[in-house]
C-alpha atoms as a PDB file:
ATOM      1  CA  SER A   1       6.676 -19.484  10.864  1.00  0.00           C
ATOM      2  CA  ASP A   2      10.325 -19.472   9.870  1.00  0.00           C
ATOM      3  CA  GLY A   3       9.915 -15.764   9.118  1.00  0.00           C
ATOM      4  CA  TYR A   4      10.439 -16.096   5.381  1.00  0.00           C
ATOM      5  CA  PRO A   5       7.523 -15.108   3.151  1.00  0.00           C
ATOM      6  CA  ASN A   6       6.345 -17.656   0.600  1.00  0.00           C
ATOM      7  CA  HIS A   7       7.176 -15.268  -2.238  1.00  0.00           C
ATOM      8  CA  ALA A   8      10.518 -14.145  -3.626  1.00  0.00           C
ATOM      9  CA  VAL A   9      12.546 -11.512  -1.801  1.00  0.00           C
ATOM     10  CA  LEU A  10      15.505  -9.495  -3.021  1.00  0.00           C
ATOM     11  CA  ASP A  11      19.102 -10.456  -2.316  1.00  0.00           C
ATOM     12  CA  ALA A  12      19.855  -7.020  -0.871  1.00  0.00           C
ATOM     13  CA  TYR A  13      17.973  -3.954   0.347  1.00  0.00           C
ATOM     14  CA  ALA A  14      18.994  -0.376   0.977  1.00  0.00           C
ATOM     15  CA  VAL A  15      19.261   0.675   4.607  1.00  0.00           C
ATOM     16  CA  PRO A  16      19.086   4.328   5.738  1.00  0.00           C
ATOM     17  CA  ASN A  17      22.716   4.733   6.821  1.00  0.00           C
ATOM     18  CA  GLY A  18      24.481   3.018   3.930  1.00  0.00           C
ATOM     19  CA  GLY A  19      25.214  -0.644   3.289  1.00  0.00           C
ATOM     20  CA  THR A  20      22.634  -3.267   2.493  1.00  0.00           C
ATOM     21  CA  ALA A  21      20.521  -5.653   4.489  1.00  0.00           C
ATOM     22  CA  ALA A  22      19.376  -9.099   3.444  1.00  0.00           C
ATOM     23  CA  PRO A  23      16.555 -11.125   5.005  1.00  0.00           C
ATOM     24  CA  ALA A  24      17.624 -13.519   7.742  1.00  0.00           C
ATOM     25  CA  THR A  25      15.811 -16.438   9.262  1.00  0.00           C
ATOM     26  CA  VAL A  26      13.923 -15.050  12.244  1.00  0.00           C
ATOM     27  CA  ALA A  27      11.592 -17.725  13.565  1.00  0.00           C
ATOM     28  CA  THR A  28       8.294 -16.160  14.558  1.00  0.00           C
ATOM     29  CA  THR A  29       5.782 -17.437  17.082  1.00  0.00           C
ATOM     30  CA  ILE A  30       2.700 -15.307  17.585  1.00  0.00           C
ATOM     31  CA  THR A  31      -0.319 -16.140  19.724  1.00  0.00           C
ATOM     32  CA  ILE A  32      -3.564 -14.692  18.393  1.00  0.00           C
ATOM     33  CA  PRO A  33      -6.991 -14.938  20.106  1.00  0.00           C
ATOM     34  CA  LEU A  34      -9.468 -17.223  18.362  1.00  0.00           C
ATOM     35  CA  VAL A  35     -12.359 -15.052  19.544  1.00  0.00           C
ATOM     36  CA  PRO A  36     -11.206 -11.436  19.391  1.00  0.00           C
ATOM     37  CA  GLU A  37     -12.891  -8.859  21.592  1.00  0.00           C
ATOM     38  CA  ARG A  38     -13.393  -5.203  20.753  1.00  0.00           C
ATOM     39  CA  ALA A  39     -11.734  -2.866  23.241  1.00  0.00           C
ATOM     40  CA  SER A  40     -13.393   0.179  24.759  1.00  0.00           C
ATOM     41  CA  ALA A  41     -10.595   2.310  23.258  1.00  0.00           C
ATOM     42  CA  ALA A  42      -8.023   1.763  20.545  1.00  0.00           C
ATOM     43  CA  THR A  43      -4.420   0.869  21.441  1.00  0.00           C
ATOM     44  CA  GLU A  44      -1.547   2.195  19.329  1.00  0.00           C
ATOM     45  CA  THR A  45       0.440  -0.449  17.505  1.00  0.00           C
ATOM     46  CA  SER A  46       4.069  -0.622  18.554  1.00  0.00           C
ATOM     47  CA  LEU A  47       7.257  -1.000  16.601  1.00  0.00           C
ATOM     48  CA  GLY A  48       7.935  -4.645  15.798  1.00  0.00           C
ATOM     49  CA  SER A  49       5.439  -7.319  14.843  1.00  0.00           C
ATOM     50  CA  ILE A  50       1.789  -6.265  14.924  1.00  0.00           C
ATOM     51  CA  GLY A  51       0.437  -9.365  13.188  1.00  0.00           C
ATOM     52  CA  ILE A  52       1.205 -12.171  10.797  1.00  0.00           C
ATOM     53  CA  ALA A  53       0.452 -12.583   7.104  1.00  0.00           C
ATOM     54  CA  VAL A  54      -0.700 -15.723   5.316  1.00  0.00           C
ATOM     55  CA  SER A  55       2.712 -15.677   3.604  1.00  0.00           C
ATOM     56  CA  GLY A  56       4.489 -16.446   6.899  1.00  0.00           C
ATOM     57  CA  ALA A  57       6.044 -12.976   7.187  1.00  0.00           C
ATOM     58  CA  VAL A  58       4.908 -10.433   9.764  1.00  0.00           C
ATOM     59  CA  PHE A  59       3.256  -7.022   9.586  1.00  0.00           C
ATOM     60  CA  PHE A  60       4.868  -3.958  11.159  1.00  0.00           C
ATOM     61  CA  ASN A  61       3.001  -0.702  11.745  1.00  0.00           C
ATOM     62  CA  PRO A  62       3.380   2.132   9.178  1.00  0.00           C
ATOM     63  CA  TYR A  63       6.453   3.636  10.835  1.00  0.00           C
ATOM     64  CA  GLU A  64      10.167   3.071  10.727  1.00  0.00           C
ATOM     65  CA  GLY A  65      12.385   2.842  13.810  1.00  0.00           C
ATOM     66  CA  ASP A  66      12.167   6.564  14.590  1.00  0.00           C
ATOM     67  CA  GLY A  67       8.419   6.130  15.137  1.00  0.00           C
ATOM     68  CA  THR A  68       7.509   9.031  12.826  1.00  0.00           C
ATOM     69  CA  SER A  69       8.803   8.244   9.312  1.00  0.00           C
ATOM     70  CA  VAL A  70       6.119   6.467   7.281  1.00  0.00           C
ATOM     71  CA  ALA A  71       7.959   3.630   5.552  1.00  0.00           C
ATOM     72  CA  LEU A  72       6.019   3.767   2.279  1.00  0.00           C
ATOM     73  CA  GLU A  73       6.602   7.507   2.005  1.00  0.00           C
ATOM     74  CA  SER A  74      10.310   7.254   2.797  1.00  0.00           C
ATOM     75  CA  ASN A  75      11.201   4.699   0.120  1.00  0.00           C
ATOM     76  CA  PHE A  76      14.531   5.199  -1.654  1.00  0.00           C
ATOM     77  CA  SER A  77      17.181   3.233  -3.528  1.00  0.00           C
ATOM     78  CA  ASP A  78      20.919   3.127  -2.862  1.00  0.00           C
ATOM     79  CA  ALA A  79      23.674   3.661  -5.450  1.00  0.00           C
ATOM     80  CA  GLU A  80      23.472  -0.020  -6.458  1.00  0.00           C
ATOM     81  CA  GLY A  81      19.721   0.261  -7.079  1.00  0.00           C
ATOM     82  CA  ASN A  82      18.673  -1.719  -4.003  1.00  0.00           C
ATOM     83  CA  PRO A  83      15.322  -0.378  -2.730  1.00  0.00           C
ATOM     84  CA  PHE A  84      14.471   0.344   0.897  1.00  0.00           C
ATOM     85  CA  LEU A  85      11.070  -1.367   0.324  1.00  0.00           C
ATOM     86  CA  ASP A  86      10.477  -3.950  -2.378  1.00  0.00           C
ATOM     87  CA  ASP A  87       7.495  -4.290  -4.724  1.00  0.00           C
ATOM     88  CA  CYS A  88       5.656  -6.209  -1.987  1.00  0.00           C
ATOM     89  CA  ASN A  89       5.841  -3.189   0.377  1.00  0.00           C
ATOM     90  CA  GLY A  90       8.184  -5.191   2.582  1.00  0.00           C
ATOM     91  CA  HIS A  91      11.817  -5.370   3.606  1.00  0.00           C
ATOM     92  CA  PRO A  92      14.048  -6.895   6.281  1.00  0.00           C
ATOM     93  CA  ALA A  93      14.520  -5.090   9.569  1.00  0.00           C
ATOM     94  CA  PRO A  94      18.029  -3.558   9.670  1.00  0.00           C
ATOM     95  CA  MET A  95      18.773  -5.012  13.111  1.00  0.00           C
ATOM     96  CA  ASP A  96      17.838  -8.692  12.744  1.00  0.00           C
ATOM     97  CA  GLY A  97      16.766  -9.098   9.119  1.00  0.00           C
ATOM     98  CA  GLN A  98      13.157 -10.031   9.950  1.00  0.00           C
ATOM     99  CA  TYR A  99      11.189  -9.564   6.735  1.00  0.00           C
ATOM    100  CA  HIS A 100       7.980  -7.570   7.251  1.00  0.00           C
ATOM    101  CA  TYR A 101       5.298  -5.578   5.424  1.00  0.00           C
ATOM    102  CA  HIS A 102       4.426  -1.909   6.052  1.00  0.00           C
ATOM    103  CA  GLY A 103       1.373  -1.795   3.782  1.00  0.00           C
ATOM    104  CA  VAL A 104      -0.557  -3.781   1.183  1.00  0.00           C
ATOM    105  CA  PRO A 105       1.439  -7.006   0.717  1.00  0.00           C
ATOM    106  CA  THR A 106       1.084  -6.841  -3.051  1.00  0.00           C
ATOM    107  CA  CYS A 107       2.845 -10.177  -3.645  1.00  0.00           C
ATOM    108  CA  ILE A 108      -0.055 -11.759  -1.767  1.00  0.00           C
ATOM    109  CA  THR A 109      -2.954  -9.629  -3.011  1.00  0.00           C
ATOM    110  CA  ALA A 110      -1.857  -9.985  -6.643  1.00  0.00           C
ATOM    111  CA  THR A 111      -2.456 -13.733  -6.420  1.00  0.00           C
ATOM    112  CA  ILE A 112      -5.618 -13.877  -4.271  1.00  0.00           C
ATOM    113  CA  ASP A 113      -7.663 -10.717  -4.904  1.00  0.00           C
ATOM    114  CA  VAL A 114     -10.207 -10.561  -7.716  1.00  0.00           C
ATOM    115  CA  PRO A 115     -10.973  -7.199  -9.361  1.00  0.00           C
ATOM    116  CA  GLY A 116     -14.434  -5.966  -8.418  1.00  0.00           C
ATOM    117  CA  GLU A 117     -14.665  -8.164  -5.319  1.00  0.00           C
ATOM    118  CA  HIS A 118     -13.776  -7.871  -1.632  1.00  0.00           C
ATOM    119  CA  SER A 119     -10.125  -8.597  -0.902  1.00  0.00           C
ATOM    120  CA  ALA A 120      -9.277 -11.984   0.526  1.00  0.00           C
ATOM    121  CA  ILE A 121      -7.823 -12.281   3.997  1.00  0.00           C
ATOM    122  CA  VAL A 122      -4.081 -11.524   4.119  1.00  0.00           C
ATOM    123  CA  GLY A 123      -3.483 -12.226   7.812  1.00  0.00           C
ATOM    124  CA  TYR A 124      -4.361 -11.406  11.413  1.00  0.00           C
ATOM    125  CA  LEU A 125      -3.297  -8.643  13.756  1.00  0.00           C
ATOM    126  CA  LEU A 126      -2.286  -9.420  17.341  1.00  0.00           C
ATOM    127  CA  ASP A 127      -5.771  -8.609  18.648  1.00  0.00           C
ATOM    128  CA  GLY A 128      -7.160 -11.530  16.591  1.00  0.00           C
ATOM    129  CA  HIS A 129      -9.045  -9.487  14.009  1.00  0.00           C
ATOM    130  CA  PRO A 130      -8.418 -10.393  10.365  1.00  0.00           C
ATOM    131  CA  ILE A 131      -6.731  -7.999   7.959  1.00  0.00           C
ATOM    132  CA  TYR A 132      -7.558  -7.755   4.262  1.00  0.00           C
ATOM    133  CA  GLY A 133      -6.178  -6.112   1.152  1.00  0.00           C
ATOM    134  CA  PRO A 134      -7.410  -2.701  -0.092  1.00  0.00           C
ATOM    135  CA  GLN A 135     -10.742  -3.715  -1.704  1.00  0.00           C
ATOM    136  CA  ASP A 136     -14.235  -3.596  -0.140  1.00  0.00           C
ATOM    137  CA  GLU A 137     -17.186  -5.742  -1.270  1.00  0.00           C
ATOM    138  CA  GLY A 138     -17.501  -3.714  -4.486  1.00  0.00           C
ATOM    139  CA  GLY A 139     -13.798  -3.967  -5.267  1.00  0.00           C
ATOM    140  CA  GLU A 140     -13.198  -0.310  -4.372  1.00  0.00           C
ATOM    141  CA  ALA A 141     -11.218   1.307  -1.560  1.00  0.00           C
ATOM    142  CA  PRO A 142     -13.358   1.196   1.609  1.00  0.00           C
ATOM    143  CA  SER A 143     -14.710   4.617   2.546  1.00  0.00           C
ATOM    144  CA  ASN A 144     -16.039   3.873   6.034  1.00  0.00           C
ATOM    145  CA  LEU A 145     -12.912   2.843   7.943  1.00  0.00           C
ATOM    146  CA  ASP A 146     -12.181   3.923  11.504  1.00  0.00           C
ATOM    147  CA  ASP A 147      -8.837   5.322  12.728  1.00  0.00           C
ATOM    148  CA  CYS A 148      -7.421   1.775  12.904  1.00  0.00           C
ATOM    149  CA  LEU A 149      -8.355   1.156   9.219  1.00  0.00           C
ATOM    150  CA  GLY A 150     -11.101  -1.240  10.258  1.00  0.00           C
ATOM    151  CA  HIS A 151     -14.885  -1.611  10.144  1.00  0.00           C
ATOM    152  CA  PHE A 152     -17.649  -4.173  10.583  1.00  0.00           C
ATOM    153  CA  GLY A 153     -18.915  -5.753   7.389  1.00  0.00           C
ATOM    154  CA  PRO A 154     -19.159  -8.908   5.290  1.00  0.00           C
ATOM    155  CA  THR A 155     -16.028 -10.530   3.884  1.00  0.00           C
ATOM    156  CA  PRO A 156     -15.536 -13.648   1.735  1.00  0.00           C
ATOM    157  CA  GLU A 157     -14.626 -15.665   4.835  1.00  0.00           C
ATOM    158  CA  PHE A 158     -17.274 -14.051   7.112  1.00  0.00           C
ATOM    159  CA  PRO A 159     -20.344 -13.378   4.923  1.00  0.00           C
ATOM    160  CA  GLU A 160     -22.468 -12.468   7.977  1.00  0.00           C
ATOM    161  CA  GLY A 161     -19.993  -9.729   8.836  1.00  0.00           C
ATOM    162  CA  VAL A 162     -17.014  -9.330  11.152  1.00  0.00           C
ATOM    163  CA  TYR A 163     -14.868  -6.486  12.401  1.00  0.00           C
ATOM    164  CA  HIS A 164     -11.798  -6.488  10.170  1.00  0.00           C
ATOM    165  CA  TYR A 165      -8.928  -4.280   9.068  1.00  0.00           C
ATOM    166  CA  HIS A 166      -7.879  -3.295   5.563  1.00  0.00           C
ATOM    167  CA  THR A 167      -4.487  -2.396   4.206  1.00  0.00           C
ATOM    168  CA  SER A 168      -4.596   0.759   2.115  1.00  0.00           C
ATOM    169  CA  THR A 169      -2.854   2.274  -0.880  1.00  0.00           C
ATOM    170  CA  THR A 170      -2.863   5.652   0.922  1.00  0.00           C
ATOM    171  CA  ALA A 171      -1.518   6.760   4.312  1.00  0.00           C
ATOM    172  CA  PRO A 172      -1.391   5.294   6.873  1.00  0.00           C
ATOM    173  CA  TYR A 173      -1.227   2.122   4.672  1.00  0.00           C
ATOM    174  CA  ILE A 174      -1.637  -0.335   7.566  1.00  0.00           C
ATOM    175  CA  SER A 175      -3.321  -0.130  10.934  1.00  0.00           C
ATOM    176  CA  PRO A 176      -1.661   2.320  13.334  1.00  0.00           C
ATOM    177  CA  CYS A 177      -3.803   0.958  16.192  1.00  0.00           C
ATOM    178  CA  TYR A 178      -5.681  -2.090  17.444  1.00  0.00           C
ATOM    179  CA  ALA A 179      -9.454  -1.852  17.821  1.00  0.00           C
ATOM    180  CA  GLY A 180      -9.471  -5.120  19.725  1.00  0.00           C
ATOM    181  CA  ALA A 181      -8.142  -6.058  23.125  1.00  0.00           C
ATOM    182  CA  VAL A 182      -4.421  -6.818  23.089  1.00  0.00           C
ATOM    183  CA  ASP A 183      -2.213  -8.282  25.777  1.00  0.00           C
ATOM    184  CA  ALA A 184      -0.444  -5.459  27.646  1.00  0.00           C
ATOM    185  CA  VAL A 185       2.950  -6.962  26.767  1.00  0.00           C
ATOM    186  CA  MET A 186       2.074  -7.072  23.075  1.00  0.00           C
ATOM    187  CA  GLY A 187       1.057  -3.403  23.085  1.00  0.00           C
ATOM    188  CA  MET A 188       4.296  -2.129  24.599  1.00  0.00           C
ATOM    189  CA  PRO A 189       6.651   0.033  22.491  1.00  0.00           C
ATOM    190  CA  GLY A 190       9.180  -2.143  20.750  1.00  0.00           C
ATOM    191  CA  GLY A 191       6.681  -4.927  20.145  1.00  0.00           C
ATOM    192  CA  PRO A 192       6.435  -8.273  21.829  1.00  0.00           C
ATOM    193  CA  PRO A 193       9.480  -9.811  23.456  1.00  0.00           C
ATOM    194  CA  PRO A 194      11.504 -12.292  21.362  1.00  0.00           C
ATOM    195  CA  MET A 195      10.072 -15.784  21.418  1.00  0.00           C
END
């Protein structure tokens, strides 16, 4: 991916220490297993890319650079009205401008999800498991998710059932861990090395 999502982004975003940040082209290459394997124990997601969305942008875990501030709960606007996170729950990284989501990518789900039905796939995490929007097969928020915001069940793409993650409209918003096996390099703090 060229790193740009296939939906509109803002010209400028608020950054925590003043100034504004705008998305930059950050080419993204991510290798994802075709046949994901469940791990014996969950692995925390790191800062940086934890997966890729169908829009071409990446997912980051719920936290900002300090590793403790939950991005969706720390949203603010600067004096010019530029938001920290946009209406898609995304923004560019202050360091390199890589656009990423910290929760439900609403610019995607608004166009592909149907009320009353299971969310459509919005991407894949680095362990190869698919990630969906916030609706289960009845169109409600799933109530049986594990600590990684995942569970085994039917989806539109896998009617026989598959382990999959959901984004959520409540904390932690996006998976804070991988339930599947991840490459040791991919699970290191700071995310995968630049490619």
